């Protein structure tokens, strides 16, 4: 926001646009909800402002919102992607690399099963949390808690694709849920 002097509404429109793109899962419902709740009156002005700030290309017609057709400035995309990649890298580095099951070690950080590169995985993670640094901080706090309590017994793909941090957060925040024994089948104990 500081670098490009973005308003909160402009940043929200950018988030909604990225989330709605086909490669990000095509979640247009978030944009539709915003559009129906006063967003329609702001859309044209927001796009004009993003054009003037060189966030999107000046040739984009602002009468229609088509997320897959919006061309973002390459420098802006590099900056956006850099932040996304950093968050993904932080998650990857913090995630336990192996699990010991009855004396045999199995890898937990293997995004190659689904992604062609680490950068693709890092960006996917960022989309899962809405490219939101505050959400990333929350996920990292939950991961730290889960590691401290011996609860990471699934791969990083499951953690990200299935949003396992939500279940772990529920476990952490609800003391009435019976804790999982650290002496489970996943340890040598």
Protein backbone atom coordinates (compact mmCIF):
# COMPACT_ATOMS: atom_id res chain seq x y z
CA UNK A 1 0.00 0.00 0.00
CA UNK A 2 2.78 2.41 0.87
CA UNK A 3 4.86 1.77 -2.23
CA UNK A 4 1.99 2.32 -4.66
CA UNK A 5 -0.06 4.66 -2.45
CA UNK A 6 -3.02 2.32 -2.61
CA UNK A 7 -6.23 2.95 -0.73
CA UNK A 8 -7.88 0.11 1.16
CA UNK A 9 -10.59 -0.12 -1.52
CA UNK A 10 -8.00 -0.34 -4.29
CA UNK A 11 -6.13 -3.08 -2.46
CA UNK A 12 -9.39 -4.95 -1.89
CA UNK A 13 -10.23 -4.77 -5.61
CA UNK A 14 -6.77 -6.11 -6.46
CA UNK A 15 -7.19 -8.99 -3.97
CA UNK A 16 -10.65 -9.79 -5.31
CA UNK A 17 -9.36 -9.72 -8.88
CA UNK A 18 -6.49 -12.11 -8.16
CA UNK A 19 -8.77 -14.47 -6.23
CA UNK A 20 -11.27 -14.53 -9.08
CA UNK A 21 -8.80 -15.47 -11.79
CA UNK A 22 -9.10 -18.96 -13.22
CA UNK A 23 -5.60 -19.99 -12.08
CA UNK A 24 -6.50 -19.04 -8.50
CA UNK A 25 -9.69 -21.07 -8.44
CA UNK A 26 -12.07 -18.56 -10.00
CA UNK A 27 -13.60 -17.32 -6.76
CA UNK A 28 -15.78 -14.61 -8.30
CA UNK A 29 -18.32 -14.90 -5.49
CA UNK A 30 -16.21 -12.61 -3.27
CA UNK A 31 -16.17 -9.90 -5.92
CA UNK A 32 -19.90 -10.36 -6.55
CA UNK A 33 -20.65 -9.90 -2.86
CA UNK A 34 -18.55 -6.73 -2.73
CA UNK A 35 -20.07 -5.47 -5.99
CA UNK A 36 -23.62 -5.94 -4.69
CA UNK A 37 -22.77 -4.13 -1.44
CA UNK A 38 -21.87 -0.68 -2.77
CA UNK A 39 -18.91 -1.85 -4.84
CA UNK A 40 -20.70 -1.19 -8.11
CA UNK A 41 -20.69 2.55 -7.44
CA UNK A 42 -16.91 2.54 -6.89
CA UNK A 43 -15.68 0.16 -9.57
CA UNK A 44 -15.07 2.63 -12.40
CA UNK A 45 -13.31 5.16 -10.14
CA UNK A 46 -11.14 2.46 -8.58
CA UNK A 47 -10.05 1.16 -11.98
CA UNK A 48 -9.29 4.68 -13.20
CA UNK A 49 -7.21 5.26 -10.09
CA UNK A 50 -5.34 1.95 -10.55
CA UNK A 51 -4.63 2.98 -14.15
CA UNK A 52 -3.29 6.36 -13.08
CA UNK A 53 -1.01 4.65 -10.52
CA UNK A 54 0.30 2.28 -13.22
CA UNK A 55 -1.03 -0.79 -11.41
CA UNK A 56 -3.08 -1.94 -14.40
CA UNK A 57 -2.55 -1.14 -18.07
CA UNK A 58 -4.17 2.03 -19.30
CA UNK A 59 -5.97 0.24 -22.16
CA UNK A 60 -8.23 -1.74 -19.81
CA UNK A 61 -11.90 -0.83 -20.33
CA UNK A 62 -13.31 -0.02 -16.91
CA UNK A 63 -16.97 -0.66 -17.70
CA UNK A 64 -16.67 -4.42 -17.25
CA UNK A 65 -14.83 -6.43 -14.62
CA UNK A 66 -13.26 -9.49 -16.21
CA UNK A 67 -10.49 -10.72 -13.89
CA UNK A 68 -8.73 -12.86 -16.49
CA UNK A 69 -8.51 -9.91 -18.89
CA UNK A 70 -7.06 -7.35 -16.48
CA UNK A 71 -3.40 -6.77 -17.30
CA UNK A 72 -1.34 -5.70 -14.34
CA UNK A 73 1.87 -3.72 -14.71
CA UNK A 74 4.86 -6.09 -14.71
CA UNK A 75 6.69 -4.14 -11.98
CA UNK A 76 3.63 -4.26 -9.76
CA UNK A 77 3.28 -8.01 -10.36
CA UNK A 78 6.93 -8.55 -9.46
CA UNK A 79 6.44 -6.68 -6.20
CA UNK A 80 3.18 -8.53 -5.46
CA UNK A 81 4.72 -11.91 -6.31
CA UNK A 82 7.83 -11.17 -4.27
CA UNK A 83 5.72 -10.67 -1.15
CA UNK A 84 3.74 -13.82 -1.94
CA UNK A 85 6.88 -15.84 -2.52
CA UNK A 86 8.40 -14.63 0.75
CA UNK A 87 5.36 -15.78 2.73
CA UNK A 88 5.42 -19.17 1.01
CA UNK A 89 9.15 -19.53 1.63
CA UNK A 90 8.66 -18.71 5.33
CA UNK A 91 6.00 -21.41 5.63
CA UNK A 92 8.16 -23.94 3.78
CA UNK A 93 11.20 -23.20 5.95
CA UNK A 94 9.19 -23.45 9.18
CA UNK A 95 7.40 -26.67 8.25
CA UNK A 96 8.96 -29.86 9.67
CA UNK A 97 10.94 -31.58 6.91
CA UNK A 98 10.35 -35.17 8.09
CA UNK A 99 8.19 -37.34 10.29
CA UNK A 100 9.42 -40.46 12.08
CA UNK A 101 7.00 -43.37 11.77
CA UNK A 102 8.18 -46.46 13.62
CA UNK A 103 11.83 -45.66 13.00
CA UNK A 104 11.50 -44.66 9.35
CA UNK A 105 11.66 -41.03 8.25
CA UNK A 106 9.18 -39.76 5.66
CA UNK A 107 9.32 -36.33 4.01
CA UNK A 108 6.65 -33.77 4.88
CA UNK A 109 7.80 -31.01 2.53
CA UNK A 110 7.19 -32.37 -0.96
CA UNK A 111 5.17 -29.91 -3.03
CA UNK A 112 6.50 -31.52 -6.25
CA UNK A 113 3.59 -33.96 -6.08
CA UNK A 114 1.27 -31.14 -7.19
CA UNK A 115 3.42 -28.19 -8.28
CA UNK A 116 6.13 -27.90 -10.92
CA UNK A 117 8.24 -25.51 -8.84
CA UNK A 118 8.58 -24.19 -5.32
CA UNK A 119 7.61 -20.73 -6.58
CA UNK A 120 4.30 -22.14 -7.86
CA UNK A 121 3.69 -23.70 -4.47
CA UNK A 122 4.67 -20.52 -2.63
CA UNK A 123 2.29 -18.44 -4.74
CA UNK A 124 -0.50 -20.99 -4.28
CA UNK A 125 -0.08 -20.78 -0.51
CA UNK A 126 -0.29 -17.01 -0.75
CA UNK A 127 -3.55 -17.27 -2.69
CA UNK A 128 -4.94 -19.66 -0.07
CA UNK A 129 -4.51 -16.95 2.56
CA UNK A 130 -5.67 -14.17 0.25
CA UNK A 131 -2.15 -12.71 -0.07
CA UNK A 132 -2.74 -11.38 3.43
CA UNK A 133 0.36 -10.87 5.64
CA UNK A 134 -1.79 -10.84 8.79
CA UNK A 135 -3.35 -14.18 7.86
CA UNK A 136 0.14 -15.51 7.13
CA UNK A 137 1.26 -14.46 10.60
CA UNK A 138 -1.74 -16.28 12.09
CA UNK A 139 -0.95 -19.43 10.07
CA UNK A 140 2.68 -19.29 11.20
CA UNK A 141 1.60 -18.94 14.85
CA UNK A 142 -0.72 -21.95 14.49
CA UNK A 143 2.04 -23.96 12.81
CA UNK A 144 4.46 -23.12 15.61
CA UNK A 145 1.91 -24.18 18.22
CA UNK A 146 1.15 -27.42 16.35
CA UNK A 147 4.86 -28.27 16.04
CA UNK A 148 5.40 -27.60 19.74
CA UNK A 149 2.54 -29.99 20.53
CA UNK A 150 3.59 -32.76 18.14
CA UNK A 151 0.53 -32.35 15.92
CA UNK A 152 2.15 -32.09 12.49
CA UNK A 153 1.70 -35.59 11.10
CA UNK A 154 0.70 -34.66 7.53
CA UNK A 155 2.52 -33.15 4.60
CA UNK A 156 2.77 -29.51 3.71
CA UNK A 157 0.47 -30.06 0.72
CA UNK A 158 -2.32 -31.19 3.00
CA UNK A 159 -1.60 -28.29 5.34
CA UNK A 160 -2.01 -25.79 2.50
CA UNK A 161 -4.45 -27.37 0.04
CA UNK A 162 -6.83 -28.58 2.76
CA UNK A 163 -6.32 -25.51 4.95
CA UNK A 164 -5.36 -27.75 7.87
CA UNK A 165 -4.39 -24.70 9.89
CA UNK A 166 -8.12 -24.09 10.42
CA UNK A 167 -8.54 -27.44 12.15
CA UNK A 168 -5.40 -26.88 14.17
CA UNK A 169 -6.63 -23.43 15.17
CA UNK A 170 -9.88 -24.98 16.36
CA UNK A 171 -7.94 -27.52 18.36
CA UNK A 172 -5.70 -24.83 19.85
CA UNK A 173 -8.56 -22.46 20.66
CA UNK A 174 -10.92 -25.06 22.10
CA UNK A 175 -9.56 -26.59 25.32
CA UNK A 176 -12.56 -28.97 25.49
CA UNK A 177 -11.27 -30.96 22.51
CA UNK A 178 -9.25 -33.92 23.74
CA UNK A 179 -5.57 -33.40 22.93
CA UNK A 180 -3.95 -35.86 20.58
CA UNK A 181 -1.42 -38.00 22.35
CA UNK A 182 2.17 -37.30 21.48
CA UNK A 183 2.74 -41.05 21.96
CA UNK A 184 0.81 -41.94 18.85
CA UNK A 185 1.73 -44.35 16.07
CA UNK A 186 3.70 -41.52 14.46
CA UNK A 187 6.54 -41.59 16.96
CA UNK A 188 9.04 -44.12 18.22
CA UNK A 189 7.46 -44.01 21.71
